[in-house]
Amino acid sequence: MAKKSEVSAKELKEKLFMQKKNAYLRMTDDDVKKCDKFCEGYKSFLNTAKTEREATAFVEAEAKKAGFVPFDKKKTYKTGDKIYYVNREKAIILAIVGREPIENGVNIVAAHIDSPRLDMKQNPLFEKDDIGYFKTHYYGGIKKYQWPTVPLSLHGVIVKADGTKVTVNIGEDDNDPIFCVSDLLPHLANAQMKRPATEIVRGEELNIVVGSRPFKDDEASEAVKLNLMMILNEKYGITESDFLSAELEAVPAFKARDLGFDRSLVGGYGQDDRVCAYPEFMAILNTKSVRRTAVCVLTDKEEIGSDGNTGLNSSYMKYFIADLAATFGVRCREVLSNSKCLSADVNAAYDPTFSDVFEKNNACVLNGGVCVTKYTGSRGKSGTSDASAEFVGEIRSLLDKNGVIWQTGELGKVDNGGGGTVAMYVANLNVDTIDVGVPVMSMHAPFEITAKADIYAAYRAFVSVIKD
């Protein structure tokens, strides 16, 4: 053994310290080209799938092209079979049957495809002083003041009285009209600017401007509202009562774009958590053979607590695995107890401008690779599953073995807040679970920022777990 004096400090640091190099200093030129190409598909996905319904439809269509077929619990399956299950058009599960017996467990990767937005109330349309508005109820954790003056598009479905369903998508095409929430000009905002930040814009002030032209009959009351309903009736065949059975969502109308002179970043809406959903989906789509049965879950309702029958606090994933296990004559609990899961959700990227809310040694950074988060929750680790040391060790070994660039992180300083993911709902099924996802800057804003290198690292991480 060499004497201590013969070993340089540099050599010791390289041996004993964690290496935290920027991903681009660890990637080959070929890796960078693959990364950039992958993110072109990702941006297209962001532009196409701005709601959970649209994401589910996109994934189902692409899965069919790749040979996935609807799951039928009455059939028998063999190694290599590709199946999928759609839950109420808002969530989807894809699976590939592995070479090992299913009682050995399955490898689960789970992301969510809902994002913060403005939902229309059940009676949304009203007129005030010759302006037509839609009344909203915001969905998920947002800074309400960020949403006024943002160009918005309208997405969703309307189920008419006769049961027929109309799909709505207005504002994405360049020839479509767009919508927005108005705001006060600075000259008249003295009183508004004295409100606390949480009330600079209040929830009931998030009214979307939808029109101003009145119906030609000057004698009619609510002439603007009448004209708007006439337009909607002509286009969709609906009456005002049909809003009662509608799901309409307002999301930013702009497209995802490269960000920065070097094009190293992606800016766009809904990257929490589609920045994990897309790499996860592409990982199973591009995989032909797996050792253990692979299960890809793209779920709804995470932003509001995962409750409801399309969220992972419900039993639909467990029932799917139970039905699949039953086709092999195996009990569900035996499968789940031997299963492993990556909860594919984002973490907060360190922001040098607001560095005081982060604990830098334990924060993830842009271009640091995919982030492995042992626990989420808030303050005293409330609302988290807190992965075991053994499982963390297993995942880090797997990522290292496959050359995946990765880092660790947690969501801000201990008493500054925190957040949750779907991890605890999967872990509650007796499944080893850990969060692995992409760092996001400006999370939950109408325009979020991610790094291409981290997105590609997430894809490679999910491929590693799905194939394992």
Protein backbone atom coordinates (compact mmCIF):
# COMPACT_ATOMS: atom_id res chain seq x y z
CA MET A 1 0.00 0.00 0.00
CA ALA A 2 1.36 3.41 -0.98
CA LYS A 3 2.27 5.83 1.73
CA LYS A 4 -0.12 8.71 2.27
CA SER A 5 2.52 11.22 1.17
CA GLU A 6 2.88 9.47 -2.20
CA VAL A 7 -0.82 9.92 -3.10
CA SER A 8 -1.83 13.38 -4.36
CA ALA A 9 -4.87 15.20 -3.06
CA LYS A 10 -6.28 15.12 -6.60
CA GLU A 11 -5.97 11.35 -6.77
CA LEU A 12 -7.57 10.95 -3.37
CA LYS A 13 -10.46 13.23 -4.29
CA GLU A 14 -11.08 11.28 -7.50
CA LYS A 15 -11.08 8.05 -5.50
CA LEU A 16 -13.06 9.13 -2.43
CA PHE A 17 -15.33 12.01 -3.47
CA MET A 18 -18.45 11.86 -5.61
CA GLN A 19 -17.83 13.12 -9.13
CA LYS A 20 -20.29 15.89 -10.08
CA LYS A 21 -19.24 16.80 -13.60
CA ASN A 22 -21.63 18.39 -16.07
CA ALA A 23 -23.18 15.66 -18.22
CA TYR A 24 -21.74 17.17 -21.40
CA LEU A 25 -18.24 16.62 -20.03
CA ARG A 26 -19.06 12.91 -19.70
CA MET A 27 -20.92 12.40 -22.99
CA THR A 28 -19.37 11.47 -26.32
CA ASP A 29 -20.19 13.43 -29.47
CA ASP A 30 -22.35 10.49 -30.56
CA ASP A 31 -24.22 10.62 -27.24
CA VAL A 32 -24.94 14.32 -27.74
CA LYS A 33 -26.34 13.67 -31.23
CA LYS A 34 -28.59 10.91 -29.90
CA CYS A 35 -29.67 13.16 -27.05
CA ASP A 36 -30.62 16.03 -29.38
CA LYS A 37 -32.50 13.70 -31.71
CA PHE A 38 -34.41 12.14 -28.82
CA CYS A 39 -35.50 15.54 -27.56
CA GLU A 40 -36.96 16.48 -30.94
CA GLY A 41 -39.47 13.68 -30.43
CA TYR A 42 -40.02 14.85 -26.87
CA LYS A 43 -40.87 18.40 -27.94
CA SER A 44 -43.33 17.05 -30.48
CA PHE A 45 -44.96 14.99 -27.73
CA LEU A 46 -45.26 18.08 -25.51
CA ASN A 47 -46.98 19.96 -28.34
CA THR A 48 -49.36 17.10 -29.15
CA ALA A 49 -50.26 15.82 -25.68
CA LYS A 50 -51.09 18.75 -23.40
CA THR A 51 -53.70 16.90 -21.33
CA GLU A 52 -53.94 13.43 -19.84
CA ARG A 53 -56.56 12.44 -22.42
CA GLU A 54 -54.38 13.55 -25.30
CA ALA A 55 -51.31 11.83 -23.82
CA THR A 56 -53.24 8.59 -23.39
CA ALA A 57 -54.53 8.71 -26.97
CA PHE A 58 -51.02 9.45 -28.30
CA VAL A 59 -49.44 6.59 -26.35
CA GLU A 60 -52.16 4.12 -27.33
CA ALA A 61 -51.78 4.96 -31.03
CA GLU A 62 -47.99 4.60 -30.93
CA ALA A 63 -48.20 1.41 -28.87
CA LYS A 64 -50.50 -0.19 -31.44
CA LYS A 65 -47.98 0.62 -34.18
CA ALA A 66 -45.30 -1.10 -32.10
CA GLY A 67 -47.33 -4.30 -31.77
CA PHE A 68 -49.04 -3.82 -28.41
CA VAL A 69 -52.57 -5.25 -28.22
CA PRO A 70 -55.39 -4.67 -25.69
CA PHE A 71 -55.10 -6.85 -22.61
CA ASP A 72 -57.65 -9.66 -22.37
CA LYS A 73 -57.72 -11.42 -19.01
CA LYS A 74 -59.33 -14.47 -20.64
CA LYS A 75 -56.29 -15.09 -22.85
CA THR A 76 -52.97 -16.73 -22.03
CA TYR A 77 -49.69 -14.94 -22.62
CA LYS A 78 -46.11 -15.95 -23.35
CA THR A 79 -42.67 -14.39 -23.22
CA GLY A 80 -42.41 -11.32 -25.44
CA ASP A 81 -46.13 -10.59 -25.67
CA LYS A 82 -46.95 -6.87 -25.62
CA ILE A 83 -50.21 -5.71 -24.08
CA TYR A 84 -51.87 -2.51 -22.90
CA TYR A 85 -54.83 -1.35 -20.83
CA VAL A 86 -56.56 2.04 -21.03
CA ASN A 87 -58.33 3.37 -17.94
CA ARG A 88 -61.20 5.74 -18.81
CA GLU A 89 -59.19 7.48 -21.57
CA LYS A 90 -57.05 9.24 -18.93
CA ALA A 91 -54.44 6.64 -17.96
CA ILE A 92 -52.72 3.77 -19.72
CA ILE A 93 -50.59 0.77 -18.77
CA LEU A 94 -48.22 -0.99 -21.19
CA ALA A 95 -46.57 -4.33 -20.42
CA ILE A 96 -44.13 -6.79 -21.99
CA VAL A 97 -44.14 -10.36 -20.67
CA GLY A 98 -40.68 -11.33 -19.46
CA ARG A 99 -38.58 -14.47 -19.71
CA GLU A 100 -38.70 -15.11 -15.96
CA PRO A 101 -41.85 -16.44 -14.25
CA ILE A 102 -44.15 -13.58 -13.23
CA GLU A 103 -44.13 -14.76 -9.62
CA ASN A 104 -40.54 -13.42 -9.49
CA GLY A 105 -42.07 -9.95 -9.70
CA VAL A 106 -42.41 -7.26 -12.33
CA ASN A 107 -40.40 -4.11 -13.02
CA ILE A 108 -42.69 -1.08 -12.85
CA VAL A 109 -41.96 2.40 -14.15
CA ALA A 110 -44.73 4.90 -13.30
CA ALA A 111 -45.10 8.53 -14.40
CA HIS A 112 -48.05 10.91 -14.44
CA ILE A 113 -49.48 12.69 -17.48
CA ASP A 114 -51.60 15.39 -15.82
CA SER A 115 -50.19 18.89 -15.23
CA PRO A 116 -51.31 22.09 -13.47
CA ARG A 117 -53.84 24.05 -15.54
CA LEU A 118 -57.14 25.94 -15.44
CA ASP A 119 -60.29 23.77 -15.50
CA MET A 120 -63.63 25.21 -16.55
CA LYS A 121 -66.35 25.19 -13.92
CA GLN A 122 -69.54 23.29 -14.69
CA ASN A 123 -71.36 26.54 -15.47
CA PRO A 124 -68.45 28.38 -17.07
CA LEU A 125 -69.91 30.85 -19.57
CA PHE A 126 -71.01 34.26 -18.37
CA GLU A 127 -71.17 37.83 -19.60
CA LYS A 128 -70.17 40.91 -17.63
CA ASP A 129 -70.34 44.44 -19.05
CA ASP A 130 -70.30 43.21 -22.65
CA ILE A 131 -67.34 40.83 -22.22
CA GLY A 132 -67.78 37.05 -22.43
CA TYR A 133 -65.86 34.90 -19.94
CA PHE A 134 -65.27 31.30 -18.91
CA LYS A 135 -65.17 30.77 -15.14
CA THR A 136 -62.32 28.51 -14.00
CA HIS A 137 -61.19 26.41 -11.07
CA TYR A 138 -57.42 25.92 -11.11
CA TYR A 139 -56.06 22.37 -11.05
CA GLY A 140 -52.94 21.52 -9.05
CA GLY A 141 -50.42 23.73 -7.30
CA ILE A 142 -49.91 26.97 -9.21
CA LYS A 143 -48.77 30.53 -8.61
CA LYS A 144 -52.01 32.14 -9.71
CA TYR A 145 -50.33 35.40 -10.70
CA GLN A 146 -48.37 33.57 -13.43
CA TRP A 147 -51.46 32.72 -15.48
CA PRO A 148 -52.96 36.09 -16.53
CA THR A 149 -51.91 37.38 -20.00
CA VAL A 150 -50.64 33.93 -21.05
CA PRO A 151 -52.09 32.81 -24.41
CA LEU A 152 -54.32 29.82 -23.69
CA SER A 153 -55.79 27.00 -25.73
CA LEU A 154 -58.89 25.01 -24.79
CA HIS A 155 -58.80 21.20 -24.68
CA GLY A 156 -61.19 18.49 -23.53
CA VAL A 157 -64.48 16.75 -24.17
CA ILE A 158 -68.16 17.66 -23.98
CA VAL A 159 -70.70 14.89 -23.46
CA LYS A 160 -74.05 16.05 -24.82
CA ALA A 161 -77.47 15.23 -23.43
CA ASP A 162 -77.91 12.40 -25.94
CA GLY A 163 -74.63 10.79 -24.81
CA THR A 164 -72.54 11.72 -27.83
CA LYS A 165 -69.07 13.03 -27.08
CA VAL A 166 -67.41 16.01 -28.73
CA THR A 167 -63.64 16.53 -28.63
CA VAL A 168 -62.45 20.12 -28.21
CA ASN A 169 -59.01 21.44 -29.20
CA ILE A 170 -58.96 25.17 -29.94
CA GLY A 171 -55.91 27.41 -29.97
CA GLU A 172 -53.11 25.11 -31.07
CA ASP A 173 -53.41 25.71 -34.81
CA ASP A 174 -52.06 29.06 -36.02
CA ASN A 175 -55.46 29.83 -37.55
CA ASP A 176 -57.35 29.14 -34.31
CA PRO A 177 -58.41 31.85 -31.89
CA ILE A 178 -56.73 31.80 -28.48
CA PHE A 179 -57.90 32.90 -25.04
CA CYS A 180 -56.39 34.55 -21.97
CA VAL A 181 -56.96 35.80 -18.43
CA SER A 182 -56.72 39.60 -18.25
CA ASP A 183 -54.70 41.57 -15.69
CA LEU A 184 -54.58 45.12 -14.39
CA LEU A 185 -52.24 47.65 -15.93
CA PRO A 186 -49.49 48.84 -13.52
CA HIS A 187 -50.94 52.36 -13.52
CA LEU A 188 -54.11 51.13 -11.76
CA ALA A 189 -52.68 48.25 -9.74
CA ASN A 190 -51.64 50.04 -6.55
CA ALA A 191 -54.18 48.21 -4.38
CA GLN A 192 -53.60 44.90 -6.17
CA MET A 193 -49.83 45.07 -5.62
CA LYS A 194 -50.37 45.48 -1.87
CA ARG A 195 -52.04 42.08 -1.67
CA PRO A 196 -49.93 39.11 -0.45
CA ALA A 197 -48.33 37.16 -3.31
CA THR A 198 -50.86 34.34 -2.94
CA GLU A 199 -53.66 36.84 -3.65
CA ILE A 200 -52.15 39.18 -6.25
CA VAL A 201 -54.52 37.28 -8.50
CA ARG A 202 -57.25 35.38 -6.66
CA GLY A 203 -58.77 32.11 -7.81
CA GLU A 204 -62.10 33.70 -8.68
CA GLU A 205 -60.27 36.31 -10.79
CA LEU A 206 -58.89 33.70 -13.16
CA ASN A 207 -61.67 34.39 -15.67
CA ILE A 208 -60.82 33.60 -19.27
CA VAL A 209 -61.82 36.13 -21.92
CA VAL A 210 -63.69 34.24 -24.66
CA GLY A 211 -65.39 36.97 -26.71
CA SER A 212 -67.01 40.42 -26.96
CA ARG A 213 -69.20 40.57 -30.07
CA PRO A 214 -72.94 40.74 -29.29
CA PHE A 215 -75.76 38.99 -31.06
CA LYS A 216 -77.22 41.35 -33.68
CA ASP A 217 -80.56 41.75 -31.92
CA ASP A 218 -80.00 44.82 -29.72
CA GLU A 219 -83.09 43.97 -27.65
CA ALA A 220 -81.67 40.71 -26.32
CA SER A 221 -80.10 40.62 -22.85
CA GLU A 222 -76.72 38.89 -22.46
CA ALA A 223 -76.21 39.43 -26.20
CA VAL A 224 -72.49 38.56 -26.08
CA LYS A 225 -73.16 35.29 -24.24
CA LEU A 226 -75.94 34.49 -26.73
CA ASN A 227 -73.63 35.08 -29.68
CA LEU A 228 -70.95 32.86 -28.12
CA MET A 229 -73.47 30.07 -27.48
CA MET A 230 -74.68 30.36 -31.06
CA ILE A 231 -71.07 29.89 -32.30
CA LEU A 232 -70.56 26.88 -30.02
CA ASN A 233 -73.90 25.39 -31.06
CA GLU A 234 -73.03 25.72 -34.74
CA LYS A 235 -69.56 24.21 -34.27
CA TYR A 236 -70.26 21.49 -31.68
CA GLY A 237 -74.05 21.14 -31.57
CA ILE A 238 -74.15 21.91 -27.83
CA THR A 239 -76.42 23.94 -25.59
CA GLU A 240 -75.42 25.61 -22.32
CA SER A 241 -76.59 22.65 -20.22
CA ASP A 242 -74.04 20.42 -21.98
CA PHE A 243 -71.27 22.19 -20.06
CA LEU A 244 -72.52 20.29 -17.00
CA SER A 245 -71.09 17.08 -18.45
CA ALA A 246 -67.92 18.52 -19.96
CA GLU A 247 -64.23 18.39 -19.08
CA LEU A 248 -62.64 21.51 -20.53
CA GLU A 249 -59.09 22.53 -19.66
CA ALA A 250 -57.18 25.71 -20.50
CA VAL A 251 -53.44 25.24 -21.06
CA PRO A 252 -50.74 27.50 -22.52
CA ALA A 253 -51.08 27.76 -26.30
CA PHE A 254 -47.39 28.16 -27.07
CA LYS A 255 -45.15 25.38 -28.37
CA ALA A 256 -42.20 23.68 -26.69
CA ARG A 257 -38.94 25.16 -27.97
CA ASP A 258 -35.18 24.86 -27.65
CA LEU A 259 -33.98 27.29 -24.99
CA GLY A 260 -30.57 29.00 -24.89
CA PHE A 261 -28.01 29.98 -27.52
CA ASP A 262 -26.55 26.48 -27.30
CA ARG A 263 -29.99 24.80 -27.54
CA SER A 264 -29.12 22.69 -24.49
CA LEU A 265 -32.47 23.23 -22.74
CA VAL A 266 -36.15 22.63 -23.48
CA GLY A 267 -38.74 25.23 -22.54
CA GLY A 268 -42.42 24.43 -22.57
CA TYR A 269 -45.65 23.71 -20.70
CA GLY A 270 -46.46 20.48 -18.87
CA GLN A 271 -42.95 19.09 -18.45
CA ASP A 272 -43.93 18.00 -14.95
CA ASP A 273 -44.33 15.12 -15.51
CA ARG A 274 -44.36 14.50 -19.25
CA VAL A 275 -40.59 14.92 -19.20
CA CYS A 276 -40.55 11.53 -17.43
CA ALA A 277 -43.62 10.06 -19.14
CA TYR A 278 -42.15 10.37 -22.64
CA PRO A 279 -38.75 8.74 -21.88
CA GLU A 280 -40.53 6.01 -19.92
CA PHE A 281 -42.95 5.32 -22.76
CA MET A 282 -40.19 5.36 -25.38
CA ALA A 283 -38.10 3.01 -23.25
CA ILE A 284 -40.74 0.27 -23.29
CA LEU A 285 -41.67 1.02 -26.90
CA ASN A 286 -38.07 0.47 -28.03
CA THR A 287 -37.53 -2.68 -25.96
CA LYS A 288 -38.07 -6.04 -27.63
CA SER A 289 -37.17 -8.49 -24.87
CA VAL A 290 -37.16 -8.28 -21.06
CA ARG A 291 -35.93 -10.56 -18.31
CA ARG A 292 -38.70 -9.72 -15.85
CA THR A 293 -42.14 -8.63 -17.00
CA ALA A 294 -42.02 -4.87 -17.56
CA VAL A 295 -44.96 -2.62 -16.69
CA CYS A 296 -45.13 1.03 -17.83
CA VAL A 297 -47.80 3.10 -16.05
CA LEU A 298 -48.85 6.54 -17.25
CA THR A 299 -51.32 7.82 -14.69
CA ASP A 300 -53.65 10.73 -13.97
CA LYS A 301 -54.50 12.95 -10.97
CA GLU A 302 -51.02 13.10 -9.40
CA GLU A 303 -51.13 16.90 -9.25
CA ILE A 304 -54.17 16.78 -6.96
CA GLY A 305 -53.17 13.87 -4.73
CA SER A 306 -53.58 10.81 -7.00
CA ASP A 307 -57.16 10.27 -5.77
CA GLY A 308 -59.99 9.22 -8.07
CA ASN A 309 -60.31 6.11 -10.22
CA THR A 310 -57.66 7.25 -12.72
CA GLY A 311 -55.07 8.12 -10.06
CA LEU A 312 -52.58 5.70 -8.51
CA ASN A 313 -54.20 5.98 -5.09
CA SER A 314 -56.94 3.84 -6.65
CA SER A 315 -56.61 0.12 -7.42
CA TYR A 316 -56.54 0.04 -11.22
CA MET A 317 -52.80 -0.76 -11.47
CA LYS A 318 -53.09 -3.43 -8.80
CA TYR A 319 -56.10 -4.95 -10.57
CA PHE A 320 -54.23 -5.00 -13.89
CA ILE A 321 -51.28 -6.82 -12.35
CA ALA A 322 -53.68 -9.19 -10.53
CA ASP A 323 -55.48 -10.02 -13.78
CA LEU A 324 -52.19 -10.52 -15.62
CA ALA A 325 -50.87 -12.72 -12.82
CA ALA A 326 -54.08 -14.76 -12.90
CA THR A 327 -53.48 -15.66 -16.55
CA PHE A 328 -50.38 -17.49 -15.29
CA GLY A 329 -52.15 -18.96 -12.26
CA VAL A 330 -50.23 -16.76 -9.82
CA ARG A 331 -51.51 -14.66 -6.89
CA CYS A 332 -51.20 -10.89 -7.21
CA ARG A 333 -49.66 -10.37 -3.79
CA GLU A 334 -46.86 -12.80 -4.64
CA VAL A 335 -46.06 -10.79 -7.76
CA LEU A 336 -46.23 -7.39 -6.06
CA SER A 337 -44.13 -8.46 -3.08
CA ASN A 338 -41.29 -9.36 -5.45
CA SER A 339 -41.70 -6.30 -7.69
CA LYS A 340 -39.65 -3.15 -8.06
CA CYS A 341 -40.73 0.31 -9.16
CA LEU A 342 -39.21 3.54 -10.39
CA SER A 343 -41.63 6.34 -9.61
CA ALA A 344 -40.71 8.48 -12.61
CA ASP A 345 -41.35 11.98 -11.35
CA VAL A 346 -39.44 15.24 -11.52
CA ASN A 347 -37.42 17.02 -8.87
CA ALA A 348 -36.70 20.72 -8.41
CA ALA A 349 -33.57 21.80 -10.27
CA TYR A 350 -31.24 24.09 -8.34
CA ASP A 351 -31.84 27.68 -9.43
CA PRO A 352 -28.84 29.99 -8.75
CA THR A 353 -31.15 33.03 -8.83
CA PHE A 354 -33.15 31.67 -5.88
CA SER A 355 -30.40 29.65 -4.23
CA ASP A 356 -31.52 30.42 -0.67
CA VAL A 357 -34.37 27.86 -0.74
CA PHE A 358 -32.07 24.99 -1.77
CA GLU A 359 -29.59 22.98 0.28
CA LYS A 360 -26.95 22.88 -2.43
CA ASN A 361 -25.17 19.67 -1.37
CA ASN A 362 -28.44 17.77 -1.75
CA ALA A 363 -30.01 19.59 -4.70
CA CYS A 364 -30.13 18.26 -8.24
CA VAL A 365 -28.89 20.48 -11.06
CA LEU A 366 -29.57 20.95 -14.75
CA ASN A 367 -27.18 18.80 -16.82
CA GLY A 368 -26.39 16.62 -13.82
CA GLY A 369 -28.21 13.60 -15.24
CA VAL A 370 -31.37 11.84 -14.14
CA CYS A 371 -32.13 12.44 -10.44
CA VAL A 372 -32.50 9.58 -7.97
CA THR A 373 -34.62 10.82 -5.04
CA LYS A 374 -34.56 8.52 -2.00
CA TYR A 375 -37.50 10.31 -0.37
CA THR A 376 -39.88 13.16 -1.13
CA GLY A 377 -42.55 14.44 1.26
CA SER A 378 -42.30 17.60 3.33
CA ARG A 379 -40.56 18.63 6.52
CA GLY A 380 -40.36 15.45 8.62
CA LYS A 381 -40.49 13.25 5.51
CA SER A 382 -44.29 13.40 5.67
CA GLY A 383 -46.01 11.77 2.71
CA THR A 384 -43.12 9.68 1.37
CA SER A 385 -42.13 6.03 1.13
CA ASP A 386 -38.38 6.64 1.79
CA ALA A 387 -36.64 3.89 -0.19
CA SER A 388 -34.44 1.49 1.74
CA ALA A 389 -30.65 1.67 1.59
CA GLU A 390 -30.62 -1.78 -0.01
CA PHE A 391 -32.90 -0.69 -2.86
CA VAL A 392 -31.01 2.56 -3.39
CA GLY A 393 -27.83 0.50 -3.63
CA GLU A 394 -29.43 -1.81 -6.15
CA ILE A 395 -30.58 1.06 -8.36
CA ARG A 396 -27.27 2.96 -8.26
CA SER A 397 -25.41 -0.24 -9.21
CA LEU A 398 -27.80 -0.84 -12.10
CA LEU A 399 -27.42 2.71 -13.42
CA ASP A 400 -23.64 2.61 -13.10
CA LYS A 401 -23.47 -0.76 -14.85
CA ASN A 402 -25.41 0.67 -17.79
CA GLY A 403 -23.40 3.89 -18.02
CA VAL A 404 -26.35 6.13 -17.04
CA ILE A 405 -25.45 9.65 -15.92
CA TRP A 406 -27.30 10.24 -12.67
CA GLN A 407 -27.34 12.40 -9.55
CA THR A 408 -29.30 12.68 -6.31
CA GLY A 409 -31.51 15.45 -5.00
CA GLU A 410 -34.29 16.51 -2.72
CA LEU A 411 -36.95 19.18 -3.05
CA GLY A 412 -35.50 22.21 -1.25
CA LYS A 413 -34.40 22.86 2.32
CA VAL A 414 -35.99 20.74 5.03
CA ASP A 415 -38.51 23.29 6.31
CA ASN A 416 -39.10 25.15 3.04
CA GLY A 417 -41.84 22.95 1.70
CA GLY A 418 -41.46 19.74 -0.24
CA GLY A 419 -43.76 17.72 -2.45
CA GLY A 420 -45.13 14.29 -3.21
CA THR A 421 -45.16 11.74 -6.03
CA VAL A 422 -46.94 8.46 -6.75
CA ALA A 423 -44.12 6.54 -5.03
CA MET A 424 -45.90 5.99 -1.72
CA TYR A 425 -49.02 4.58 -3.40
CA VAL A 426 -46.97 1.94 -5.20
CA ALA A 427 -44.81 1.26 -2.14
CA ASN A 428 -47.99 0.72 -0.10
CA LEU A 429 -48.57 -2.39 -2.25
CA ASN A 430 -45.37 -3.88 -0.74
CA VAL A 431 -43.29 -2.92 -3.78
CA ASP A 432 -39.71 -1.63 -3.47
CA THR A 433 -40.05 1.91 -4.87
CA ILE A 434 -37.85 4.93 -5.47
CA ASP A 435 -38.27 8.22 -7.34
CA VAL A 436 -36.12 8.65 -10.45
CA GLY A 437 -36.79 11.62 -12.71
CA VAL A 438 -35.67 14.75 -14.49
CA PRO A 439 -34.76 18.02 -12.71
CA VAL A 440 -37.11 20.88 -13.65
CA MET A 441 -36.59 24.63 -13.25
CA SER A 442 -39.66 26.88 -12.84
CA MET A 443 -41.73 23.80 -11.96
CA HIS A 444 -45.54 24.23 -12.17
CA ALA A 445 -45.20 27.49 -14.10
CA PRO A 446 -46.89 27.83 -17.50
CA PHE A 447 -43.37 27.58 -18.99
CA GLU A 448 -40.94 25.09 -17.43
CA ILE A 449 -37.25 24.43 -18.15
CA THR A 450 -35.43 21.11 -18.46
CA ALA A 451 -32.03 20.01 -19.79
CA LYS A 452 -31.77 17.76 -22.83
CA ALA A 453 -28.92 15.77 -21.27
CA ASP A 454 -31.10 14.94 -18.25
CA ILE A 455 -34.03 13.90 -20.45
CA TYR A 456 -31.84 11.51 -22.41
CA ALA A 457 -30.30 10.18 -19.19
CA ALA A 458 -33.82 9.45 -17.93
CA TYR A 459 -34.57 7.48 -21.09
CA ARG A 460 -31.41 5.40 -20.62
CA ALA A 461 -32.26 4.84 -16.94
CA PHE A 462 -35.75 3.57 -17.78
CA VAL A 463 -34.37 1.29 -20.51
CA SER A 464 -31.95 -0.17 -17.95
CA VAL A 465 -34.72 -0.95 -15.47
CA ILE A 466 -37.19 -2.25 -18.05
CA LYS A 467 -34.61 -4.66 -19.51
CA ASP A 468 -33.24 -5.76 -16.12
